[in-house]
């Protein structure tokens, strides 16, 4: 009799376990999928390089940094923001696509106006900025402040600001942030302003 009573209990337990397993599978299949910005990696845009620089004859520097989308869906860069070291005053900042349409876009001359750039997976854009350099203030600074770069991305009506890793120059033991290194070149007596500079990545 005891064995007969155990059999319904075992069957009931198996049914309960099957129902639980089925519920878990159904939840995984039909649970709401994250969309919009929540579905993107963070950051969704990175700056693996390269970057280009130009030095003007008025103690100005211009930099162009290539950025790449890591998102699997299209994202739009609608703005950029750079925190420069002391001694640099912003003149202009823009974002443009990196492609054949900008093969002639140089770091000299007027920078194009900022525009929203939509990137597909692994697509690239260029963040370009120009600064005037106060050499006395720059060179008096013992240590460069942390330079920071941000891009504002948009998916649908949602926006967020992603921070990029700022490039550095020099040996690993003593790297110098990119803007500081370029500004120091502009303040170097041996630097020749107005020399031809390469175009941004095409």
Protein backbone atom coordinates (compact mmCIF):
# COMPACT_ATOMS: atom_id res chain seq x y z
CA UNK A 1 0.00 0.00 0.00
CA UNK A 2 2.86 2.37 0.85
CA UNK A 3 4.37 1.93 -2.61
CA UNK A 4 0.99 2.66 -4.23
CA UNK A 5 0.72 5.92 -2.23
CA UNK A 6 4.23 6.96 -3.30
CA UNK A 7 3.47 6.59 -7.02
CA UNK A 8 0.86 9.41 -7.25
CA UNK A 9 3.17 11.65 -5.21
CA UNK A 10 6.06 11.05 -7.61
CA UNK A 11 3.81 11.65 -10.62
CA UNK A 12 2.49 14.86 -9.08
CA UNK A 13 6.01 16.11 -8.36
CA UNK A 14 7.07 15.38 -11.93
CA UNK A 15 4.06 17.30 -13.25
CA UNK A 16 4.88 20.29 -11.04
CA UNK A 17 8.52 20.29 -12.17
CA UNK A 18 7.44 20.08 -15.82
CA UNK A 19 5.08 23.02 -15.35
CA UNK A 20 7.83 25.09 -13.72
CA UNK A 21 10.30 24.26 -16.48
CA UNK A 22 7.71 25.11 -19.13
CA UNK A 23 6.99 28.43 -17.45
CA UNK A 24 10.68 29.33 -17.40
CA UNK A 25 11.07 28.50 -21.08
CA UNK A 26 7.94 30.47 -21.98
CA UNK A 27 9.19 33.50 -20.01
CA UNK A 28 12.55 33.42 -21.77
CA UNK A 29 10.85 33.21 -25.16
CA UNK A 30 8.10 35.76 -24.63
CA UNK A 31 9.64 38.19 -22.09
CA UNK A 32 9.81 41.80 -23.30
CA UNK A 33 13.03 42.54 -25.19
CA UNK A 34 15.03 45.63 -24.27
CA UNK A 35 14.84 48.31 -26.92
CA UNK A 36 16.16 51.79 -27.59
CA UNK A 37 19.20 52.89 -25.63
CA UNK A 38 18.72 50.04 -23.14
CA UNK A 39 19.61 47.55 -25.90
CA UNK A 40 22.94 49.24 -26.69
CA UNK A 41 26.33 48.47 -25.18
CA UNK A 42 27.72 51.12 -22.86
CA UNK A 43 29.56 52.84 -24.36
CA UNK A 44 28.02 52.33 -27.79
CA UNK A 45 30.67 54.49 -29.45
CA UNK A 46 34.43 54.15 -28.85
CA UNK A 47 37.56 55.97 -30.01
CA UNK A 48 40.12 53.34 -31.03
CA UNK A 49 41.93 55.95 -33.13
CA UNK A 50 43.65 57.23 -35.07
CA UNK A 51 43.69 60.96 -34.43
CA UNK A 52 45.22 63.74 -36.53
CA UNK A 53 46.55 67.15 -35.56
CA UNK A 54 47.39 70.47 -37.21
CA UNK A 55 49.12 73.52 -35.75
CA UNK A 56 48.21 76.98 -37.00
CA UNK A 57 50.38 80.05 -37.24
CA UNK A 58 48.24 81.83 -34.62
CA UNK A 59 49.07 79.39 -31.80
CA UNK A 60 45.97 77.36 -32.60
CA UNK A 61 45.65 73.60 -32.77
CA UNK A 62 43.10 71.45 -34.58
CA UNK A 63 42.50 67.81 -33.78
CA UNK A 64 40.42 65.13 -35.49
CA UNK A 65 39.52 61.90 -33.66
CA UNK A 66 37.98 58.89 -35.38
CA UNK A 67 35.18 57.16 -33.47
CA UNK A 68 33.46 53.82 -34.20
CA UNK A 69 30.03 52.42 -33.34
CA UNK A 70 29.87 49.13 -31.43
CA UNK A 71 26.08 48.94 -31.59
CA UNK A 72 24.35 46.26 -33.66
CA UNK A 73 21.64 48.74 -34.64
CA UNK A 74 21.93 52.25 -36.10
CA UNK A 75 22.73 55.06 -33.65
CA UNK A 76 22.97 58.77 -34.35
CA UNK A 77 25.67 61.03 -32.92
CA UNK A 78 23.88 64.33 -32.32
CA UNK A 79 26.62 66.15 -30.44
CA UNK A 80 30.07 66.00 -28.89
CA UNK A 81 31.79 67.62 -25.92
CA UNK A 82 35.49 67.81 -25.02
CA UNK A 83 36.95 68.90 -21.69
CA UNK A 84 40.39 70.37 -22.60
CA UNK A 85 43.38 71.06 -20.36
CA UNK A 86 44.04 74.53 -18.91
CA UNK A 87 45.44 77.00 -21.40
CA UNK A 88 43.17 75.90 -24.27
CA UNK A 89 40.17 77.94 -25.41
CA UNK A 90 37.61 76.29 -27.66
CA UNK A 91 37.04 77.85 -31.09
CA UNK A 92 34.89 75.23 -32.83
CA UNK A 93 33.74 71.63 -32.47
CA UNK A 94 32.11 69.46 -35.11
CA UNK A 95 31.21 65.88 -36.00
CA UNK A 96 31.32 64.60 -39.59
CA UNK A 97 31.10 61.18 -41.28
CA UNK A 98 34.37 59.43 -42.10
CA UNK A 99 34.09 58.37 -45.72
CA UNK A 100 34.66 59.30 -49.37
CA UNK A 101 32.52 62.41 -49.03
CA UNK A 102 35.11 63.83 -46.62
CA UNK A 103 38.34 62.72 -48.28
CA UNK A 104 39.17 66.38 -48.94
CA UNK A 105 38.29 67.55 -45.45
CA UNK A 106 41.53 68.83 -43.95
CA UNK A 107 42.32 70.08 -40.47
CA UNK A 108 43.33 73.45 -41.92
CA UNK A 109 40.77 76.04 -42.97
CA UNK A 110 37.29 76.42 -41.54
CA UNK A 111 35.79 73.34 -39.95
CA UNK A 112 32.40 72.31 -41.36
CA UNK A 113 29.36 73.00 -39.18
CA UNK A 114 28.32 70.21 -36.81
CA UNK A 115 25.80 67.75 -38.16
CA UNK A 116 24.04 64.64 -36.87
CA UNK A 117 25.81 61.50 -38.07
CA UNK A 118 24.00 58.14 -38.18
CA UNK A 119 26.27 55.11 -37.78
CA UNK A 120 25.55 51.49 -38.57
CA UNK A 121 27.53 48.63 -36.99
CA UNK A 122 31.28 49.40 -37.16
CA UNK A 123 30.66 52.66 -39.06
CA UNK A 124 32.97 55.58 -38.28
CA UNK A 125 32.74 59.31 -37.76
CA UNK A 126 35.23 62.07 -36.95
CA UNK A 127 35.04 64.46 -34.00
CA UNK A 128 37.09 67.56 -34.89
CA UNK A 129 37.88 70.52 -32.65
CA UNK A 130 39.96 73.70 -32.78
CA UNK A 131 41.52 75.56 -29.86
CA UNK A 132 43.70 78.60 -29.30
CA UNK A 133 46.61 77.93 -26.94
CA UNK A 134 47.83 80.20 -24.15
CA UNK A 135 51.36 78.85 -23.90
CA UNK A 136 52.16 80.61 -20.63
CA UNK A 137 49.18 79.02 -18.87
CA UNK A 138 49.65 75.64 -20.51
CA UNK A 139 53.36 75.33 -19.72
CA UNK A 140 52.91 76.61 -16.16
CA UNK A 141 50.59 73.70 -15.39
CA UNK A 142 52.61 71.04 -13.57
CA UNK A 143 50.33 68.16 -14.52
CA UNK A 144 47.72 68.12 -17.27
CA UNK A 145 44.18 67.69 -16.06
CA UNK A 146 42.32 64.61 -17.18
CA UNK A 147 41.04 65.31 -20.67
CA UNK A 148 37.58 63.96 -21.33
CA UNK A 149 35.59 63.35 -24.51
CA UNK A 150 31.85 62.74 -24.75
CA UNK A 151 29.44 62.06 -27.59
CA UNK A 152 25.67 62.33 -27.33
CA UNK A 153 23.94 59.46 -29.10
CA UNK A 154 20.29 59.10 -30.01
CA UNK A 155 17.99 56.17 -30.78
CA UNK A 156 14.42 57.18 -31.59
CA UNK A 157 13.55 59.94 -29.13
CA UNK A 158 16.01 58.76 -26.47
CA UNK A 159 19.42 60.35 -25.93
CA UNK A 160 22.37 59.68 -23.67
CA UNK A 161 25.96 60.85 -23.35
CA UNK A 162 28.75 58.27 -23.72
CA UNK A 163 32.27 59.00 -22.51
CA UNK A 164 35.14 57.98 -24.77
CA UNK A 165 38.69 57.08 -23.74
CA UNK A 166 40.94 60.01 -24.57
CA UNK A 167 44.03 59.13 -26.67
CA UNK A 168 47.50 59.49 -25.19
CA UNK A 169 50.92 60.10 -26.70
CA UNK A 170 54.31 58.79 -25.60
CA UNK A 171 55.63 55.77 -23.69
CA UNK A 172 53.34 53.69 -21.50
CA UNK A 173 55.33 54.71 -18.43
CA UNK A 174 54.69 58.41 -18.97
CA UNK A 175 51.83 59.01 -21.43
CA UNK A 176 50.61 62.53 -22.21
CA UNK A 177 46.96 63.22 -23.11
CA UNK A 178 46.43 64.04 -26.78
CA UNK A 179 45.36 67.70 -26.47
CA UNK A 180 48.15 68.52 -24.04
CA UNK A 181 50.73 66.85 -26.28
CA UNK A 182 49.48 68.74 -29.36
CA UNK A 183 49.32 72.08 -27.51
CA UNK A 184 52.87 71.63 -26.22
CA UNK A 185 54.01 71.14 -29.81
CA UNK A 186 52.35 74.43 -30.73
CA UNK A 187 54.32 76.14 -27.96
CA UNK A 188 57.62 74.52 -28.95
CA UNK A 189 60.15 76.97 -30.51
CA UNK A 190 61.17 74.39 -33.10
CA UNK A 191 57.65 73.77 -34.41
CA UNK A 192 56.85 75.11 -37.89
CA UNK A 193 53.28 76.47 -38.00
CA UNK A 194 51.19 76.19 -41.12
CA UNK A 195 52.96 73.07 -42.41
CA UNK A 196 50.85 70.74 -44.60
CA UNK A 197 48.82 68.30 -42.57
CA UNK A 198 47.16 65.01 -43.60
CA UNK A 199 43.46 64.76 -44.26
CA UNK A 200 41.20 63.06 -41.78
CA UNK A 201 40.51 59.34 -42.28
CA UNK A 202 38.58 58.59 -45.46
